Amino acid sequence: MSALTWAVAAVVTDRAGRVLLCRQSGGGRRWALPGGRLRRDESPAAAARREIRAETGWEVDLVDLVGLYRLGDPAAPPPPAGRCGALPDVLVHVFRARVAADAPAGDPAGGCRLDWHPPDALPEVLTPTTRAAVADALAGRSGVLCETTPRGGDGPAGAAAPPGQRAGGELGTLR
């Protein structure tokens, strides 16, 4: 059994309404939301601000919590009570955020290529959960509970999820 990995990500927008995405350097080279893992004794909000600053160089103001997105394998047998499932088992707090200034406060970390995208012209090659989280954030949804799979396609999230939830794939860049 794996331990649950707690992570954060944010749909960061600028004053023009564009969305900040990070193109992953490894794997399928898909675009994802900026973010990363929580540290011990760190709140999700503090982790989101820290990770976004470290990964992108931008200071952000968190607006609200879009939802909780869990990345897991639906084919894995259910874990015993009180235990986490098989790898991967990641719970991501996805926030809605705005940049706090007109320019980054520092240099971004290596490992991803940053770019701003208009909401109506997002790259086709997004992680499926990134696509779902961006759609949820831009639609003004909050309190979303989402189960995702690592084997999701590169298209929009599936329609089989219960109302208020989405199915999809990987989210963010976990370091």
N, C-alpha and C. Protein backbone atom coordinates (compact mmCIF):
# COMPACT_ATOMS: atom_id res chain seq x y z
N MET A 1 0.83 -1.18 0.00
CA MET A 1 0.00 0.00 0.00
C MET A 1 0.88 1.25 0.00
N SER A 2 0.43 2.25 -0.71
CA SER A 2 1.18 3.50 -0.76
C SER A 2 0.63 4.49 0.24
N ALA A 3 1.44 5.44 0.59
CA ALA A 3 0.97 6.55 1.41
C ALA A 3 0.29 7.56 0.50
N LEU A 4 -0.67 8.25 1.03
CA LEU A 4 -1.34 9.29 0.27
C LEU A 4 -0.40 10.47 0.11
N THR A 5 -0.25 10.95 -1.12
CA THR A 5 0.55 12.13 -1.40
C THR A 5 -0.39 13.32 -1.47
N TRP A 6 -0.12 14.33 -0.66
CA TRP A 6 -0.92 15.55 -0.66
C TRP A 6 -0.22 16.56 -1.55
N ALA A 7 -0.97 17.15 -2.46
CA ALA A 7 -0.37 18.09 -3.40
C ALA A 7 -1.28 19.30 -3.59
N VAL A 8 -0.73 20.32 -4.23
CA VAL A 8 -1.48 21.54 -4.52
C VAL A 8 -1.21 21.96 -5.97
N ALA A 9 -2.14 22.68 -6.53
CA ALA A 9 -1.99 23.27 -7.86
C ALA A 9 -2.93 24.46 -7.91
N ALA A 10 -2.75 25.30 -8.92
CA ALA A 10 -3.65 26.45 -9.04
C ALA A 10 -3.86 26.80 -10.50
N VAL A 11 -5.08 27.26 -10.77
CA VAL A 11 -5.41 27.85 -12.06
C VAL A 11 -5.10 29.33 -11.87
N VAL A 12 -3.91 29.73 -12.33
CA VAL A 12 -3.42 31.10 -12.15
C VAL A 12 -3.77 31.91 -13.38
N THR A 13 -4.42 33.06 -13.16
CA THR A 13 -4.75 33.94 -14.27
C THR A 13 -4.08 35.29 -14.08
N ASP A 14 -3.86 35.98 -15.21
CA ASP A 14 -3.30 37.33 -15.16
C ASP A 14 -4.44 38.33 -15.36
N ARG A 15 -4.10 39.60 -15.42
CA ARG A 15 -5.13 40.65 -15.56
C ARG A 15 -5.90 40.55 -16.87
N ALA A 16 -5.31 39.92 -17.89
CA ALA A 16 -5.97 39.74 -19.19
C ALA A 16 -6.84 38.48 -19.21
N GLY A 17 -6.83 37.71 -18.11
CA GLY A 17 -7.63 36.49 -18.04
C GLY A 17 -6.96 35.26 -18.60
N ARG A 18 -5.67 35.38 -18.99
CA ARG A 18 -4.95 34.23 -19.51
C ARG A 18 -4.58 33.28 -18.37
N VAL A 19 -4.38 32.01 -18.71
CA VAL A 19 -4.07 30.95 -17.75
C VAL A 19 -2.60 30.58 -17.88
N LEU A 20 -1.90 30.50 -16.74
CA LEU A 20 -0.49 30.12 -16.71
C LEU A 20 -0.38 28.60 -16.64
N LEU A 21 0.34 28.01 -17.61
CA LEU A 21 0.55 26.57 -17.64
C LEU A 21 2.03 26.27 -17.75
N CYS A 22 2.38 25.08 -17.30
CA CYS A 22 3.76 24.60 -17.32
C CYS A 22 3.81 23.36 -18.21
N ARG A 23 4.68 23.40 -19.21
CA ARG A 23 4.85 22.22 -20.06
C ARG A 23 5.89 21.34 -19.42
N GLN A 24 5.49 20.13 -19.10
CA GLN A 24 6.36 19.20 -18.40
C GLN A 24 7.52 18.77 -19.29
N SER A 25 8.70 18.65 -18.69
CA SER A 25 9.89 18.30 -19.46
C SER A 25 10.00 16.81 -19.73
N GLY A 26 9.37 15.98 -18.93
CA GLY A 26 9.47 14.54 -19.13
C GLY A 26 8.16 13.94 -19.61
N GLY A 27 8.16 12.64 -19.76
CA GLY A 27 6.95 11.93 -20.13
C GLY A 27 6.36 12.39 -21.46
N GLY A 28 5.06 12.65 -21.45
CA GLY A 28 4.36 13.03 -22.66
C GLY A 28 4.47 14.50 -23.00
N ARG A 29 5.23 15.25 -22.24
CA ARG A 29 5.42 16.69 -22.48
C ARG A 29 4.08 17.41 -22.59
N ARG A 30 3.20 17.09 -21.66
CA ARG A 30 1.89 17.74 -21.63
C ARG A 30 1.95 19.00 -20.78
N TRP A 31 1.00 19.88 -21.01
CA TRP A 31 0.86 21.10 -20.22
C TRP A 31 0.08 20.78 -18.96
N ALA A 32 0.47 21.41 -17.86
CA ALA A 32 -0.16 21.16 -16.56
C ALA A 32 -0.22 22.45 -15.76
N LEU A 33 -0.96 22.40 -14.68
CA LEU A 33 -1.04 23.53 -13.75
C LEU A 33 0.23 23.59 -12.91
N PRO A 34 0.66 24.79 -12.53
CA PRO A 34 1.79 24.87 -11.60
C PRO A 34 1.38 24.39 -10.22
N GLY A 35 2.30 23.75 -9.53
CA GLY A 35 2.02 23.26 -8.19
C GLY A 35 3.05 22.25 -7.75
N GLY A 36 2.76 21.55 -6.68
CA GLY A 36 3.68 20.56 -6.14
C GLY A 36 3.15 19.95 -4.86
N ARG A 37 4.04 19.37 -4.09
CA ARG A 37 3.66 18.64 -2.88
C ARG A 37 3.63 19.53 -1.65
N LEU A 38 2.79 19.16 -0.70
CA LEU A 38 2.77 19.82 0.59
C LEU A 38 3.94 19.31 1.42
N ARG A 39 4.46 20.17 2.27
CA ARG A 39 5.47 19.78 3.25
C ARG A 39 4.76 19.44 4.55
N ARG A 40 5.46 18.72 5.39
CA ARG A 40 4.91 18.37 6.70
C ARG A 40 4.53 19.64 7.46
N ASP A 41 3.39 19.63 8.10
CA ASP A 41 2.90 20.75 8.91
C ASP A 41 2.71 22.03 8.10
N GLU A 42 2.33 21.91 6.83
CA GLU A 42 2.10 23.07 5.96
C GLU A 42 0.65 23.03 5.49
N SER A 43 0.00 24.18 5.49
CA SER A 43 -1.38 24.23 5.01
C SER A 43 -1.40 24.17 3.49
N PRO A 44 -2.49 23.68 2.89
CA PRO A 44 -2.58 23.67 1.43
C PRO A 44 -2.42 25.06 0.82
N ALA A 45 -2.99 26.09 1.44
CA ALA A 45 -2.88 27.45 0.89
C ALA A 45 -1.42 27.93 0.92
N ALA A 46 -0.73 27.71 2.02
CA ALA A 46 0.68 28.12 2.11
C ALA A 46 1.52 27.34 1.11
N ALA A 47 1.24 26.05 0.96
CA ALA A 47 1.99 25.23 0.01
C ALA A 47 1.75 25.70 -1.42
N ALA A 48 0.51 26.07 -1.74
CA ALA A 48 0.20 26.54 -3.10
C ALA A 48 0.98 27.81 -3.41
N ARG A 49 0.97 28.77 -2.49
CA ARG A 49 1.72 30.01 -2.73
C ARG A 49 3.22 29.73 -2.89
N ARG A 50 3.77 28.88 -2.01
CA ARG A 50 5.20 28.55 -2.06
C ARG A 50 5.56 27.82 -3.35
N GLU A 51 4.80 26.79 -3.70
CA GLU A 51 5.11 25.99 -4.88
C GLU A 51 4.98 26.79 -6.18
N ILE A 52 3.95 27.63 -6.26
CA ILE A 52 3.76 28.44 -7.47
C ILE A 52 4.89 29.45 -7.61
N ARG A 53 5.28 30.06 -6.51
CA ARG A 53 6.39 31.02 -6.53
C ARG A 53 7.68 30.32 -6.96
N ALA A 54 7.94 29.13 -6.39
CA ALA A 54 9.17 28.40 -6.70
C ALA A 54 9.18 27.91 -8.15
N GLU A 55 8.05 27.43 -8.63
CA GLU A 55 8.00 26.85 -9.98
C GLU A 55 7.92 27.90 -11.07
N THR A 56 7.22 29.00 -10.81
CA THR A 56 6.95 29.98 -11.87
C THR A 56 7.64 31.33 -11.68
N GLY A 57 8.01 31.67 -10.45
CA GLY A 57 8.55 32.99 -10.15
C GLY A 57 7.47 34.00 -9.81
N TRP A 58 6.21 33.66 -9.99
CA TRP A 58 5.09 34.59 -9.74
C TRP A 58 4.59 34.49 -8.31
N GLU A 59 4.36 35.64 -7.68
CA GLU A 59 3.62 35.71 -6.42
C GLU A 59 2.15 35.71 -6.81
N VAL A 60 1.33 34.95 -6.09
CA VAL A 60 -0.10 34.89 -6.41
C VAL A 60 -0.96 35.18 -5.19
N ASP A 61 -2.16 35.66 -5.46
CA ASP A 61 -3.20 35.79 -4.45
C ASP A 61 -4.19 34.66 -4.70
N LEU A 62 -4.39 33.82 -3.68
CA LEU A 62 -5.36 32.74 -3.81
C LEU A 62 -6.76 33.33 -3.65
N VAL A 63 -7.65 32.98 -4.57
CA VAL A 63 -9.02 33.49 -4.56
C VAL A 63 -9.92 32.55 -3.77
N ASP A 64 -9.88 31.28 -4.13
CA ASP A 64 -10.67 30.26 -3.43
C ASP A 64 -10.22 28.87 -3.85
N LEU A 65 -10.83 27.88 -3.26
CA LEU A 65 -10.53 26.49 -3.57
C LEU A 65 -11.50 26.01 -4.64
N VAL A 66 -10.98 25.62 -5.80
CA VAL A 66 -11.84 25.07 -6.85
C VAL A 66 -12.35 23.71 -6.41
N GLY A 67 -11.45 22.86 -5.92
CA GLY A 67 -11.89 21.54 -5.47
C GLY A 67 -10.73 20.63 -5.13
N LEU A 68 -11.09 19.40 -4.81
CA LEU A 68 -10.14 18.35 -4.49
C LEU A 68 -10.17 17.35 -5.63
N TYR A 69 -9.01 17.07 -6.18
CA TYR A 69 -8.88 16.17 -7.31
C TYR A 69 -8.00 15.01 -6.87
N ARG A 70 -8.54 13.81 -6.88
CA ARG A 70 -7.79 12.63 -6.44
C ARG A 70 -7.35 11.83 -7.65
N LEU A 71 -6.05 11.59 -7.72
CA LEU A 71 -5.47 10.78 -8.78
C LEU A 71 -5.24 9.40 -8.21
N GLY A 72 -5.92 8.41 -8.77
CA GLY A 72 -5.78 7.04 -8.32
C GLY A 72 -6.06 6.08 -9.46
N ASP A 73 -5.89 4.81 -9.21
CA ASP A 73 -6.11 3.77 -10.22
C ASP A 73 -7.42 3.05 -9.90
N PRO A 74 -8.47 3.26 -10.74
CA PRO A 74 -9.76 2.64 -10.45
C PRO A 74 -9.73 1.12 -10.57
N ALA A 75 -8.72 0.56 -11.27
CA ALA A 75 -8.63 -0.89 -11.42
C ALA A 75 -8.01 -1.54 -10.18
N ALA A 76 -7.38 -0.74 -9.34
CA ALA A 76 -6.76 -1.30 -8.13
C ALA A 76 -7.84 -1.71 -7.14
N PRO A 77 -7.61 -2.81 -6.42
CA PRO A 77 -8.60 -3.21 -5.42
C PRO A 77 -8.73 -2.14 -4.35
N PRO A 78 -9.93 -1.99 -3.78
CA PRO A 78 -10.08 -0.98 -2.73
C PRO A 78 -9.18 -1.29 -1.55
N PRO A 79 -8.58 -0.26 -0.96
CA PRO A 79 -7.69 -0.49 0.18
C PRO A 79 -8.49 -0.83 1.42
N PRO A 80 -7.86 -1.49 2.41
CA PRO A 80 -8.55 -1.73 3.68
C PRO A 80 -8.88 -0.40 4.35
N ALA A 81 -9.85 -0.42 5.23
CA ALA A 81 -10.25 0.80 5.94
C ALA A 81 -9.04 1.45 6.60
N GLY A 82 -8.92 2.76 6.42
CA GLY A 82 -7.84 3.52 7.04
C GLY A 82 -6.52 3.46 6.28
N ARG A 83 -6.48 2.80 5.13
CA ARG A 83 -5.25 2.69 4.34
C ARG A 83 -5.46 3.37 3.00
N CYS A 84 -4.37 3.77 2.37
CA CYS A 84 -4.40 4.39 1.04
C CYS A 84 -4.30 3.31 -0.02
N GLY A 85 -4.73 3.63 -1.22
CA GLY A 85 -4.70 2.69 -2.33
C GLY A 85 -3.32 2.53 -2.93
N ALA A 86 -3.26 1.72 -3.99
CA ALA A 86 -2.00 1.47 -4.70
C ALA A 86 -1.55 2.73 -5.42
N LEU A 87 -0.26 2.78 -5.77
CA LEU A 87 0.28 3.93 -6.49
C LEU A 87 -0.45 4.13 -7.80
N PRO A 88 -0.60 5.35 -8.30
CA PRO A 88 -0.41 6.56 -7.53
C PRO A 88 -1.66 6.85 -6.71
N ASP A 89 -1.51 7.50 -5.61
CA ASP A 89 -2.63 7.90 -4.76
C ASP A 89 -2.32 9.32 -4.31
N VAL A 90 -2.82 10.29 -5.07
CA VAL A 90 -2.50 11.69 -4.87
C VAL A 90 -3.78 12.48 -4.69
N LEU A 91 -3.83 13.30 -3.65
CA LEU A 91 -4.96 14.20 -3.44
C LEU A 91 -4.46 15.62 -3.64
N VAL A 92 -5.02 16.30 -4.66
CA VAL A 92 -4.55 17.63 -5.04
C VAL A 92 -5.62 18.67 -4.70
N HIS A 93 -5.22 19.68 -3.94
CA HIS A 93 -6.07 20.83 -3.66
C HIS A 93 -5.84 21.81 -4.81
N VAL A 94 -6.86 22.08 -5.61
CA VAL A 94 -6.71 23.00 -6.74
C VAL A 94 -7.36 24.33 -6.39
N PHE A 95 -6.56 25.39 -6.43
CA PHE A 95 -7.03 26.73 -6.10
C PHE A 95 -7.24 27.56 -7.37
N ARG A 96 -8.03 28.60 -7.24
CA ARG A 96 -8.14 29.66 -8.25
C ARG A 96 -7.24 30.77 -7.72
N ALA A 97 -6.37 31.31 -8.58
CA ALA A 97 -5.41 32.32 -8.12
C ALA A 97 -5.20 33.38 -9.20
N ARG A 98 -4.79 34.56 -8.74
CA ARG A 98 -4.44 35.67 -9.64
C ARG A 98 -3.02 36.11 -9.33
N VAL A 99 -2.31 36.57 -10.37
CA VAL A 99 -0.97 37.09 -10.13
C VAL A 99 -1.10 38.36 -9.29
N ALA A 100 -0.12 38.57 -8.42
CA ALA A 100 -0.17 39.70 -7.50
C ALA A 100 0.52 40.95 -8.04
N ALA A 101 1.22 40.83 -9.18
CA ALA A 101 1.96 41.96 -9.75
C ALA A 101 1.97 41.83 -11.27
N ASP A 102 2.56 42.81 -11.92
CA ASP A 102 2.63 42.81 -13.38
C ASP A 102 3.80 42.00 -13.93
N ALA A 103 4.71 41.58 -13.05
CA ALA A 103 5.88 40.82 -13.48
C ALA A 103 6.22 39.79 -12.42
N PRO A 104 6.91 38.72 -12.80
CA PRO A 104 7.31 37.73 -11.81
C PRO A 104 8.24 38.34 -10.77
N ALA A 105 8.17 37.81 -9.54
CA ALA A 105 9.02 38.30 -8.46
C ALA A 105 10.39 37.65 -8.48
N GLY A 106 10.53 36.58 -9.23
CA GLY A 106 11.80 35.87 -9.28
C GLY A 106 11.88 34.99 -10.50
N ASP A 107 12.95 34.21 -10.57
CA ASP A 107 13.14 33.31 -11.70
C ASP A 107 12.41 32.00 -11.44
N PRO A 108 11.83 31.41 -12.50
CA PRO A 108 11.18 30.10 -12.32
C PRO A 108 12.21 29.00 -12.15
N ALA A 109 11.77 27.91 -11.53
CA ALA A 109 12.63 26.74 -11.39
C ALA A 109 12.77 26.06 -12.75
N GLY A 110 13.84 25.33 -12.93
CA GLY A 110 14.00 24.57 -14.17
C GLY A 110 13.04 23.40 -14.20
N GLY A 111 12.90 22.78 -15.35
CA GLY A 111 12.08 21.58 -15.43
C GLY A 111 10.75 21.76 -16.12
N CYS A 112 10.33 23.00 -16.31
CA CYS A 112 9.09 23.19 -17.05
C CYS A 112 9.17 24.49 -17.84
N ARG A 113 8.47 24.51 -18.95
CA ARG A 113 8.39 25.71 -19.80
C ARG A 113 7.07 26.40 -19.50
N LEU A 114 7.12 27.64 -19.08
CA LEU A 114 5.91 28.39 -18.72
C LEU A 114 5.39 29.17 -19.91
N ASP A 115 4.06 29.27 -19.98
CA ASP A 115 3.45 30.10 -21.01
C ASP A 115 2.04 30.46 -20.57
N TRP A 116 1.62 31.65 -21.01
CA TRP A 116 0.26 32.14 -20.74
C TRP A 116 -0.63 31.78 -21.93
N HIS A 117 -1.86 31.31 -21.64
CA HIS A 117 -2.78 30.88 -22.69
C HIS A 117 -4.16 31.51 -22.49
N PRO A 118 -4.75 32.06 -23.56
CA PRO A 118 -6.14 32.52 -23.44
C PRO A 118 -7.04 31.32 -23.15
N PRO A 119 -8.08 31.49 -22.35
CA PRO A 119 -8.95 30.36 -21.99
C PRO A 119 -9.59 29.67 -23.20
N ASP A 120 -9.81 30.42 -24.29
CA ASP A 120 -10.43 29.83 -25.47
C ASP A 120 -9.40 29.27 -26.45
N ALA A 121 -8.12 29.27 -26.08
CA ALA A 121 -7.06 28.75 -26.94
C ALA A 121 -6.04 27.95 -26.13
N LEU A 122 -6.53 27.07 -25.27
CA LEU A 122 -5.64 26.24 -24.46
C LEU A 122 -4.96 25.20 -25.35
N PRO A 123 -3.76 24.77 -24.98
CA PRO A 123 -3.10 23.73 -25.77
C PRO A 123 -3.94 22.45 -25.78
N GLU A 124 -3.83 21.69 -26.85
CA GLU A 124 -4.54 20.41 -26.94
C GLU A 124 -3.95 19.38 -25.99
N VAL A 125 -2.65 19.45 -25.77
CA VAL A 125 -1.97 18.42 -25.00
C VAL A 125 -1.88 18.85 -23.53
N LEU A 126 -3.03 18.79 -22.86
CA LEU A 126 -3.11 19.06 -21.42
C LEU A 126 -3.26 17.74 -20.69
N THR A 127 -2.80 17.70 -19.45
CA THR A 127 -3.17 16.53 -18.65
C THR A 127 -4.68 16.59 -18.52
N PRO A 128 -5.36 15.45 -18.53
CA PRO A 128 -6.82 15.46 -18.50
C PRO A 128 -7.40 16.19 -17.28
N THR A 129 -6.79 16.03 -16.12
CA THR A 129 -7.33 16.71 -14.95
C THR A 129 -7.04 18.20 -15.00
N THR A 130 -5.93 18.58 -15.61
CA THR A 130 -5.69 20.02 -15.80
C THR A 130 -6.80 20.61 -16.64
N ARG A 131 -7.19 19.91 -17.70
CA ARG A 131 -8.30 20.39 -18.54
C ARG A 131 -9.58 20.53 -17.70
N ALA A 132 -9.86 19.53 -16.87
CA ALA A 132 -11.06 19.56 -16.04
C ALA A 132 -10.99 20.69 -15.00
N ALA A 133 -9.84 20.83 -14.34
CA ALA A 133 -9.69 21.85 -13.30
C ALA A 133 -9.79 23.26 -13.88
N VAL A 134 -9.18 23.47 -15.06
CA VAL A 134 -9.28 24.79 -15.71
C VAL A 134 -10.72 25.07 -16.07
N ALA A 135 -11.41 24.09 -16.63
CA ALA A 135 -12.83 24.28 -16.98
C ALA A 135 -13.65 24.60 -15.73
N ASP A 136 -13.41 23.88 -14.64
CA ASP A 136 -14.14 24.13 -13.40
C ASP A 136 -13.86 25.54 -12.89
N ALA A 137 -12.58 25.93 -12.86
CA ALA A 137 -12.20 27.24 -12.34
C ALA A 137 -12.78 28.37 -13.18
N LEU A 138 -12.66 28.26 -14.49
CA LEU A 138 -13.14 29.34 -15.36
C LEU A 138 -14.66 29.42 -15.38
N ALA A 139 -15.35 28.32 -15.07
CA ALA A 139 -16.81 28.33 -14.98
C ALA A 139 -17.28 28.84 -13.62
N GLY A 140 -16.33 29.14 -12.72
CA GLY A 140 -16.69 29.66 -11.41
C GLY A 140 -17.09 28.59 -10.41
N ARG A 141 -16.87 27.32 -10.73
CA ARG A 141 -17.24 26.25 -9.80
C ARG A 141 -16.28 26.22 -8.62
N SER A 142 -16.82 25.87 -7.46
CA SER A 142 -16.04 25.65 -6.25
C SER A 142 -16.58 24.41 -5.58
N GLY A 143 -15.77 23.79 -4.76
CA GLY A 143 -16.21 22.59 -4.04
C GLY A 143 -16.30 21.35 -4.90
N VAL A 144 -15.57 21.30 -5.99
CA VAL A 144 -15.59 20.15 -6.89
C VAL A 144 -14.85 18.98 -6.22
N LEU A 145 -15.43 17.81 -6.29
CA LEU A 145 -14.78 16.58 -5.85
C LEU A 145 -14.59 15.73 -7.09
N CYS A 146 -13.34 15.38 -7.39
CA CYS A 146 -13.04 14.75 -8.66
C CYS A 146 -12.14 13.54 -8.48
N GLU A 147 -12.54 12.41 -9.04
CA GLU A 147 -11.71 11.21 -9.09
C GLU A 147 -11.09 11.15 -10.47
N THR A 148 -9.77 10.99 -10.55
CA THR A 148 -9.10 10.94 -11.84
C THR A 148 -8.23 9.70 -11.93
N THR A 149 -7.82 9.36 -13.15
CA THR A 149 -6.99 8.18 -13.36
C THR A 149 -5.73 8.57 -14.10
N PRO A 150 -4.62 7.88 -13.83
CA PRO A 150 -3.38 8.21 -14.53
C PRO A 150 -3.41 7.79 -15.99
N ARG A 151 -4.35 6.94 -16.38
CA ARG A 151 -4.41 6.46 -17.76
C ARG A 151 -5.42 7.23 -18.60
N GLY A 152 -5.91 8.36 -18.08
CA GLY A 152 -6.89 9.14 -18.84
C GLY A 152 -6.31 9.62 -20.15
N GLY A 153 -7.17 9.87 -21.13
CA GLY A 153 -6.73 10.36 -22.43
C GLY A 153 -6.34 11.82 -22.35
N ASP A 154 -5.96 12.39 -23.47
CA ASP A 154 -5.56 13.79 -23.52
C ASP A 154 -6.73 14.70 -23.85
N GLY A 155 -7.90 14.17 -24.00
CA GLY A 155 -9.06 14.99 -24.32
C GLY A 155 -9.74 15.49 -23.08
N PRO A 156 -10.93 16.09 -23.22
CA PRO A 156 -11.67 16.58 -22.07
C PRO A 156 -12.03 15.44 -21.13
N ALA A 157 -12.35 15.79 -19.91
CA ALA A 157 -12.70 14.80 -18.92
C ALA A 157 -13.93 14.02 -19.36
N GLY A 158 -14.00 12.78 -18.92
CA GLY A 158 -15.12 11.91 -19.30
C GLY A 158 -16.42 12.37 -18.69
N ALA A 159 -17.52 11.93 -19.28
CA ALA A 159 -18.84 12.35 -18.84
C ALA A 159 -19.46 11.36 -17.87
N ALA A 160 -18.74 10.31 -17.49
CA ALA A 160 -19.32 9.27 -16.65
C ALA A 160 -19.29 9.61 -15.17
N ALA A 161 -18.67 10.68 -14.79
CA ALA A 161 -18.58 11.03 -13.37
C ALA A 161 -19.92 11.54 -12.87
N PRO A 162 -20.20 11.39 -11.57
CA PRO A 162 -21.44 11.91 -11.00
C PRO A 162 -21.51 13.43 -11.14
N PRO A 163 -22.71 14.01 -11.04
CA PRO A 163 -22.82 15.47 -11.14
C PRO A 163 -21.91 16.14 -10.13
N GLY A 164 -21.24 17.23 -10.57
CA GLY A 164 -20.34 17.96 -9.70
C GLY A 164 -18.96 17.34 -9.60
N GLN A 165 -18.77 16.19 -10.26
CA GLN A 165 -17.47 15.54 -10.25
C GLN A 165 -17.03 15.31 -11.68
N ARG A 166 -15.75 15.08 -11.87
CA ARG A 166 -15.20 14.83 -13.19
C ARG A 166 -14.29 13.63 -13.13
N ALA A 167 -14.11 12.99 -14.27
CA ALA A 167 -13.12 11.94 -14.40
C ALA A 167 -12.08 12.44 -15.38
N GLY A 168 -10.83 12.02 -15.24
CA GLY A 168 -9.80 12.53 -16.13
C GLY A 168 -8.49 11.85 -15.92
N GLY A 169 -7.41 12.59 -15.74
CA GLY A 169 -6.08 12.01 -15.59
C GLY A 169 -5.17 12.84 -14.73
N GLU A 170 -3.88 12.78 -14.99
CA GLU A 170 -2.88 13.41 -14.15
C GLU A 170 -3.13 14.90 -13.96
N LEU A 171 -2.63 15.42 -12.87
CA LEU A 171 -2.78 16.85 -12.60
C LEU A 171 -1.49 17.43 -12.10
N GLY A 172 -1.13 18.57 -12.62
CA GLY A 172 -0.03 19.35 -12.08
C GLY A 172 1.32 18.68 -12.23
N THR A 173 2.29 19.33 -11.69
CA THR A 173 3.66 18.84 -11.74
C THR A 173 4.10 18.58 -10.31
N LEU A 174 4.14 17.35 -9.93
CA LEU A 174 4.51 16.99 -8.57
C LEU A 174 6.00 16.80 -8.50
N ARG A 175 6.64 17.55 -7.58
CA ARG A 175 8.08 17.43 -7.41
C ARG A 175 8.36 16.73 -6.12
